């Protein structure tokens, strides 16, 4: 009864509105044609030549010089510090051990003399010179 009723309703709709649905093709993908005003490039784009390596780049040279200066400043800042000590704005922060849970025990030292190894000093944190 329901199938018959559906067929009747579909016929009625088709008579009133016509075939308003796009008819599906059995094979392939439904494609839409683009208007001729749409520009499509037919040629394949070839990769561009890589830039020449022997061109002098002043920006790159300046950046490399700045990077070297920063590295030099860092090396000077850390030079002579005891092992496990890190510079702070005033003094340094030294790791002096570990807790049972594995966390670092740190100590804040305010004097540079406490942070750095003295000439000929041997012992914990100072390399044998």
N, C-alpha and C. Protein backbone atom coordinates (compact mmCIF):
# COMPACT_ATOMS: atom_id res chain seq x y z
N UNK A 1 0.85 -1.20 0.00
CA UNK A 1 0.00 0.00 0.00
C UNK A 1 0.89 1.26 0.00
N UNK A 2 1.94 1.26 0.84
CA UNK A 2 2.81 2.44 0.95
C UNK A 2 3.59 2.65 -0.34
N UNK A 3 4.10 1.57 -0.92
CA UNK A 3 4.88 1.67 -2.16
C UNK A 3 4.01 2.21 -3.29
N UNK A 4 2.77 1.76 -3.37
CA UNK A 4 1.87 2.26 -4.41
C UNK A 4 1.60 3.74 -4.23
N UNK A 5 1.40 4.13 -2.97
CA UNK A 5 1.12 5.52 -2.66
C UNK A 5 2.32 6.41 -3.03
N UNK A 6 3.54 5.90 -2.75
CA UNK A 6 4.75 6.65 -3.08
C UNK A 6 4.88 6.85 -4.58
N UNK A 7 4.63 5.82 -5.34
CA UNK A 7 4.68 5.94 -6.81
C UNK A 7 3.71 6.99 -7.30
N UNK A 8 2.51 7.02 -6.72
CA UNK A 8 1.48 7.97 -7.14
C UNK A 8 1.93 9.40 -6.81
N UNK A 9 2.49 9.58 -5.60
CA UNK A 9 2.95 10.92 -5.22
C UNK A 9 4.09 11.36 -6.12
N UNK A 10 5.03 10.46 -6.43
CA UNK A 10 6.15 10.80 -7.32
C UNK A 10 5.67 11.20 -8.70
N UNK A 11 4.65 10.49 -9.24
CA UNK A 11 4.09 10.84 -10.57
C UNK A 11 3.44 12.22 -10.52
N UNK A 12 2.74 12.48 -9.42
CA UNK A 12 2.07 13.77 -9.28
C UNK A 12 3.09 14.91 -9.24
N UNK A 13 4.18 14.71 -8.47
CA UNK A 13 5.24 15.72 -8.38
C UNK A 13 5.89 15.92 -9.74
N UNK A 14 6.12 14.85 -10.46
CA UNK A 14 6.77 14.95 -11.77
C UNK A 14 5.88 15.70 -12.76
N UNK A 15 4.57 15.52 -12.66
CA UNK A 15 3.65 16.23 -13.56
C UNK A 15 3.62 17.72 -13.22
N UNK A 16 3.64 18.05 -11.91
CA UNK A 16 3.56 19.45 -11.51
C UNK A 16 4.87 20.20 -11.80
N UNK A 17 5.99 19.60 -11.41
CA UNK A 17 7.28 20.31 -11.45
C UNK A 17 8.23 19.83 -12.53
N UNK A 18 7.96 18.73 -13.15
CA UNK A 18 8.85 18.19 -14.14
C UNK A 18 10.01 17.46 -13.46
N UNK A 19 11.02 17.11 -14.22
CA UNK A 19 12.17 16.40 -13.67
C UNK A 19 13.12 17.45 -13.09
N UNK A 20 12.87 17.87 -11.86
CA UNK A 20 13.68 18.93 -11.26
C UNK A 20 14.95 18.40 -10.62
N UNK A 21 15.09 17.10 -10.51
CA UNK A 21 16.32 16.52 -9.97
C UNK A 21 17.27 16.21 -11.11
N UNK A 22 18.54 16.32 -10.86
CA UNK A 22 19.55 15.98 -11.86
C UNK A 22 19.52 14.47 -12.06
N UNK A 23 19.46 14.07 -13.30
CA UNK A 23 19.45 12.64 -13.58
C UNK A 23 20.85 12.09 -13.35
N UNK A 24 20.92 11.02 -12.60
CA UNK A 24 22.21 10.42 -12.29
C UNK A 24 22.63 9.51 -13.43
N UNK A 25 23.91 9.59 -13.76
CA UNK A 25 24.45 8.69 -14.77
C UNK A 25 24.88 7.40 -14.09
N UNK A 26 24.89 6.35 -14.82
CA UNK A 26 25.28 5.06 -14.26
C UNK A 26 26.79 4.99 -14.02
N UNK A 27 27.57 5.65 -14.89
CA UNK A 27 29.02 5.50 -14.83
C UNK A 27 29.66 6.88 -14.69
N UNK A 28 30.78 6.92 -13.97
CA UNK A 28 31.59 8.13 -13.95
C UNK A 28 31.20 9.11 -12.87
N UNK A 29 31.87 10.24 -12.93
CA UNK A 29 31.68 11.29 -11.94
C UNK A 29 30.94 12.44 -12.61
N UNK A 30 30.00 13.03 -11.89
CA UNK A 30 29.27 14.16 -12.44
C UNK A 30 30.21 15.37 -12.47
N UNK A 31 30.45 15.89 -13.65
CA UNK A 31 31.34 17.04 -13.78
C UNK A 31 30.55 18.24 -14.26
N UNK A 32 30.98 19.40 -13.86
CA UNK A 32 30.33 20.62 -14.32
C UNK A 32 31.31 21.35 -15.22
N UNK A 33 30.82 21.84 -16.32
CA UNK A 33 31.67 22.58 -17.23
C UNK A 33 31.85 24.00 -16.69
N UNK A 34 33.07 24.49 -16.81
CA UNK A 34 33.34 25.86 -16.39
C UNK A 34 33.12 26.79 -17.57
N UNK A 35 32.67 27.99 -17.30
CA UNK A 35 32.51 28.94 -18.41
C UNK A 35 33.85 29.24 -19.06
N UNK A 36 33.78 29.63 -20.32
CA UNK A 36 35.03 29.88 -21.07
C UNK A 36 35.80 31.07 -20.52
N UNK A 37 35.14 31.90 -19.70
CA UNK A 37 35.84 33.07 -19.16
C UNK A 37 36.85 32.67 -18.07
N UNK A 38 36.72 31.46 -17.53
CA UNK A 38 37.66 31.01 -16.50
C UNK A 38 38.95 30.58 -17.19
N UNK A 39 40.07 31.18 -16.74
CA UNK A 39 41.36 30.90 -17.37
C UNK A 39 42.01 29.69 -16.71
N UNK A 40 42.40 28.74 -17.49
CA UNK A 40 43.11 27.57 -16.98
C UNK A 40 44.46 27.48 -17.66
N UNK A 41 45.51 27.27 -16.84
CA UNK A 41 46.84 27.14 -17.42
C UNK A 41 47.02 25.71 -17.89
N UNK A 42 47.43 25.55 -19.10
CA UNK A 42 47.61 24.23 -19.69
C UNK A 42 49.04 23.72 -19.52
N UNK A 43 49.99 24.66 -19.43
CA UNK A 43 51.38 24.23 -19.34
C UNK A 43 51.73 23.87 -17.91
N UNK A 44 52.58 22.90 -17.77
CA UNK A 44 53.05 22.51 -16.44
C UNK A 44 54.12 23.50 -16.01
N UNK A 45 54.09 23.86 -14.72
CA UNK A 45 55.08 24.79 -14.22
C UNK A 45 56.37 24.05 -13.95
N UNK A 46 57.46 24.55 -14.51
CA UNK A 46 58.74 23.89 -14.26
C UNK A 46 59.36 24.51 -13.02
N UNK A 47 60.10 23.72 -12.26
CA UNK A 47 60.69 24.27 -11.04
C UNK A 47 61.71 25.36 -11.36
N UNK A 48 61.74 26.37 -10.50
CA UNK A 48 62.68 27.48 -10.73
C UNK A 48 64.10 27.02 -10.39
N UNK A 49 65.05 27.67 -11.04
CA UNK A 49 66.45 27.36 -10.75
C UNK A 49 66.77 27.81 -9.32
N UNK A 50 67.55 27.03 -8.60
CA UNK A 50 67.90 27.46 -7.24
C UNK A 50 68.77 28.71 -7.28
N UNK A 51 68.67 29.56 -6.25
CA UNK A 51 69.47 30.79 -6.26
C UNK A 51 70.96 30.48 -6.22
N UNK A 52 71.72 31.34 -6.82
CA UNK A 52 73.17 31.15 -6.88
C UNK A 52 73.77 31.25 -5.48
N UNK A 53 74.74 30.39 -5.19
CA UNK A 53 75.35 30.35 -3.86
C UNK A 53 76.48 31.37 -3.69
N UNK A 54 77.00 31.88 -4.79
CA UNK A 54 78.13 32.80 -4.67
C UNK A 54 77.71 34.27 -4.72
N UNK A 55 76.46 34.55 -4.34
CA UNK A 55 76.00 35.93 -4.24
C UNK A 55 76.18 36.38 -2.79
N UNK A 56 76.77 37.55 -2.59
CA UNK A 56 77.03 38.06 -1.25
C UNK A 56 75.74 38.62 -0.66
N UNK A 57 75.36 38.11 0.54
CA UNK A 57 74.13 38.53 1.19
C UNK A 57 74.48 39.29 2.47
N UNK A 58 74.40 40.61 2.46
CA UNK A 58 74.81 41.39 3.63
C UNK A 58 73.95 41.10 4.87
N UNK A 59 72.67 40.80 4.68
CA UNK A 59 71.79 40.52 5.82
C UNK A 59 72.24 39.24 6.51
N UNK A 60 72.55 38.24 5.69
CA UNK A 60 73.00 36.96 6.26
C UNK A 60 74.34 37.12 6.98
N UNK A 61 75.23 37.88 6.38
CA UNK A 61 76.54 38.11 7.00
C UNK A 61 76.40 38.80 8.35
N UNK A 62 75.52 39.82 8.44
CA UNK A 62 75.29 40.53 9.68
C UNK A 62 74.69 39.57 10.73
N UNK A 63 73.75 38.74 10.30
CA UNK A 63 73.12 37.79 11.22
C UNK A 63 74.14 36.80 11.77
N UNK A 64 75.03 36.31 10.91
CA UNK A 64 76.07 35.38 11.36
C UNK A 64 77.03 36.04 12.33
N UNK A 65 77.36 37.32 12.09
CA UNK A 65 78.25 38.05 12.99
C UNK A 65 77.58 38.24 14.35
N UNK A 66 76.29 38.59 14.35
CA UNK A 66 75.56 38.77 15.60
C UNK A 66 75.47 37.45 16.38
N UNK A 67 75.23 36.36 15.67
CA UNK A 67 75.13 35.04 16.30
C UNK A 67 76.46 34.67 16.96
N UNK A 68 77.56 34.93 16.25
CA UNK A 68 78.89 34.64 16.81
C UNK A 68 79.14 35.49 18.05
N UNK A 69 78.71 36.75 18.04
CA UNK A 69 78.90 37.64 19.19
C UNK A 69 78.10 37.13 20.40
N UNK A 70 76.87 36.67 20.17
CA UNK A 70 76.04 36.14 21.26
C UNK A 70 76.67 34.88 21.84
N UNK A 71 77.15 33.99 20.98
CA UNK A 71 77.80 32.77 21.45
C UNK A 71 79.04 33.10 22.28
N UNK A 72 79.82 34.06 21.82
CA UNK A 72 81.03 34.47 22.54
C UNK A 72 80.67 35.02 23.92
N UNK A 73 79.61 35.83 23.97
CA UNK A 73 79.17 36.40 25.24
C UNK A 73 78.73 35.29 26.21
N UNK A 74 78.02 34.30 25.69
CA UNK A 74 77.58 33.18 26.53
C UNK A 74 78.76 32.39 27.06
N UNK A 75 79.73 32.12 26.19
CA UNK A 75 80.91 31.35 26.62
C UNK A 75 81.68 32.12 27.71
N UNK A 76 81.78 33.43 27.54
CA UNK A 76 82.48 34.25 28.55
C UNK A 76 81.71 34.25 29.87
N UNK A 77 80.39 34.26 29.78
CA UNK A 77 79.57 34.30 30.98
C UNK A 77 79.71 33.00 31.78
N UNK A 78 79.81 31.87 31.09
CA UNK A 78 79.89 30.56 31.75
C UNK A 78 81.33 30.16 32.07
N UNK A 79 82.31 30.91 31.52
CA UNK A 79 83.70 30.53 31.69
C UNK A 79 84.09 30.61 33.17
N UNK A 80 84.71 29.55 33.68
CA UNK A 80 85.19 29.55 35.05
C UNK A 80 84.16 29.20 36.10
N UNK A 81 82.90 29.00 35.71
CA UNK A 81 81.88 28.62 36.70
C UNK A 81 82.10 27.20 37.16
N UNK A 82 81.78 26.95 38.41
CA UNK A 82 81.88 25.59 38.93
C UNK A 82 80.83 24.72 38.24
N UNK A 83 81.08 23.42 38.22
CA UNK A 83 80.16 22.50 37.58
C UNK A 83 78.82 22.52 38.31
N UNK A 84 77.72 22.63 37.56
CA UNK A 84 76.39 22.67 38.17
C UNK A 84 75.95 24.06 38.56
N UNK A 85 76.77 25.09 38.29
CA UNK A 85 76.41 26.46 38.62
C UNK A 85 76.02 27.21 37.34
N UNK A 86 74.99 28.05 37.47
CA UNK A 86 74.48 28.79 36.33
C UNK A 86 74.38 30.26 36.70
N UNK A 87 74.77 31.15 35.79
CA UNK A 87 74.77 32.58 36.11
C UNK A 87 73.36 33.12 36.30
N UNK A 88 73.24 34.10 37.20
CA UNK A 88 72.00 34.82 37.46
C UNK A 88 72.34 36.30 37.33
N UNK A 89 71.32 37.16 37.31
CA UNK A 89 71.63 38.60 37.24
C UNK A 89 72.57 39.05 38.36
N UNK A 90 72.37 38.51 39.56
CA UNK A 90 73.31 38.77 40.66
C UNK A 90 73.75 37.42 41.19
N UNK A 91 75.01 37.10 41.05
CA UNK A 91 75.53 35.84 41.56
C UNK A 91 75.22 34.68 40.64
N UNK A 92 74.94 33.51 41.28
CA UNK A 92 74.65 32.33 40.48
C UNK A 92 73.75 31.38 41.27
N UNK A 93 73.27 30.36 40.58
CA UNK A 93 72.44 29.32 41.18
C UNK A 93 73.17 28.01 40.97
N UNK A 94 73.49 27.31 42.05
CA UNK A 94 74.26 26.07 41.94
C UNK A 94 73.43 24.88 42.39
N UNK A 95 73.52 23.79 41.63
CA UNK A 95 72.88 22.54 42.01
C UNK A 95 73.87 21.81 42.89
N UNK A 96 73.47 21.56 44.16
CA UNK A 96 74.41 20.94 45.10
C UNK A 96 74.06 19.49 45.43
N UNK A 97 72.95 19.00 44.93
CA UNK A 97 72.58 17.61 45.18
C UNK A 97 71.19 17.30 44.65
N UNK A 98 70.70 16.11 45.03
CA UNK A 98 69.37 15.67 44.60
C UNK A 98 68.61 15.15 45.80
N UNK A 99 67.28 15.31 45.77
CA UNK A 99 66.43 14.77 46.84
C UNK A 99 66.17 13.30 46.55
N UNK A 100 65.48 12.63 47.48
CA UNK A 100 65.15 11.21 47.30
C UNK A 100 64.22 11.03 46.10
N UNK A 101 63.40 12.04 45.82
CA UNK A 101 62.47 11.96 44.67
C UNK A 101 63.17 12.27 43.34
N UNK A 102 64.41 12.73 43.39
CA UNK A 102 65.15 13.02 42.17
C UNK A 102 65.15 14.49 41.78
N UNK A 103 64.60 15.36 42.63
CA UNK A 103 64.60 16.79 42.34
C UNK A 103 65.94 17.40 42.73
N UNK A 104 66.32 18.48 42.03
CA UNK A 104 67.59 19.15 42.33
C UNK A 104 67.50 19.98 43.61
N UNK A 105 68.56 19.94 44.39
CA UNK A 105 68.70 20.84 45.53
C UNK A 105 69.60 21.97 45.06
N UNK A 106 69.08 23.20 45.08
CA UNK A 106 69.84 24.34 44.57
C UNK A 106 70.19 25.30 45.69
N UNK A 107 71.25 26.05 45.43
CA UNK A 107 71.71 27.04 46.40
C UNK A 107 72.03 28.32 45.64
N UNK A 108 71.50 29.44 46.13
CA UNK A 108 71.75 30.73 45.48
C UNK A 108 73.00 31.34 46.10
N UNK A 109 73.99 31.62 45.29
CA UNK A 109 75.24 32.24 45.77
C UNK A 109 75.32 33.64 45.17
N UNK A 110 75.52 34.60 46.04
CA UNK A 110 75.47 36.00 45.62
C UNK A 110 76.83 36.55 45.17
N UNK A 111 77.91 35.91 45.57
CA UNK A 111 79.24 36.42 45.23
C UNK A 111 79.82 35.61 44.08
N UNK A 112 80.49 36.33 43.17
CA UNK A 112 81.14 35.67 42.04
C UNK A 112 82.23 34.71 42.51
N UNK A 113 82.88 35.04 43.61
CA UNK A 113 83.96 34.20 44.13
C UNK A 113 83.45 32.82 44.52
N UNK A 114 82.18 32.75 44.99
CA UNK A 114 81.60 31.46 45.38
C UNK A 114 81.17 30.66 44.16
N UNK A 115 80.95 31.34 43.05
CA UNK A 115 80.44 30.68 41.83
C UNK A 115 81.55 30.12 40.94
N UNK A 116 82.68 30.80 40.95
CA UNK A 116 83.74 30.43 40.01
C UNK A 116 84.89 29.72 40.70
N UNK A 117 85.58 28.90 39.94
CA UNK A 117 86.75 28.19 40.46
C UNK A 117 87.92 29.17 40.49
N UNK A 118 88.67 29.12 41.54
CA UNK A 118 89.85 29.98 41.65
C UNK A 118 91.02 29.33 40.93
N UNK A 119 92.05 30.10 40.67
CA UNK A 119 93.23 29.56 39.98
C UNK A 119 93.81 28.38 40.76
N UNK A 120 93.96 27.25 40.07
CA UNK A 120 94.58 26.07 40.67
C UNK A 120 93.69 25.33 41.66
N UNK A 121 92.43 25.74 41.81
CA UNK A 121 91.53 25.06 42.76
C UNK A 121 91.13 23.70 42.21
N UNK A 122 91.19 22.70 43.06
CA UNK A 122 90.78 21.35 42.68
C UNK A 122 89.74 20.91 43.69
N UNK A 123 88.79 20.13 43.22
CA UNK A 123 87.76 19.66 44.14
C UNK A 123 86.44 19.49 43.42
N UNK A 124 85.35 19.34 44.19
CA UNK A 124 84.05 19.10 43.57
C UNK A 124 83.61 20.29 42.72
N UNK A 125 83.29 20.02 41.46
CA UNK A 125 82.81 21.06 40.56
C UNK A 125 83.88 21.79 39.79
N UNK A 126 85.13 21.66 40.20
CA UNK A 126 86.20 22.35 39.47
C UNK A 126 87.02 21.34 38.68
N UNK A 127 87.26 21.62 37.43
CA UNK A 127 88.08 20.69 36.65
C UNK A 127 89.53 20.72 37.14
N UNK A 128 90.16 19.58 37.06
CA UNK A 128 91.57 19.51 37.48
C UNK A 128 92.40 20.26 36.46
N UNK A 129 93.04 21.34 36.90
CA UNK A 129 93.82 22.16 35.98
C UNK A 129 95.30 21.91 36.15
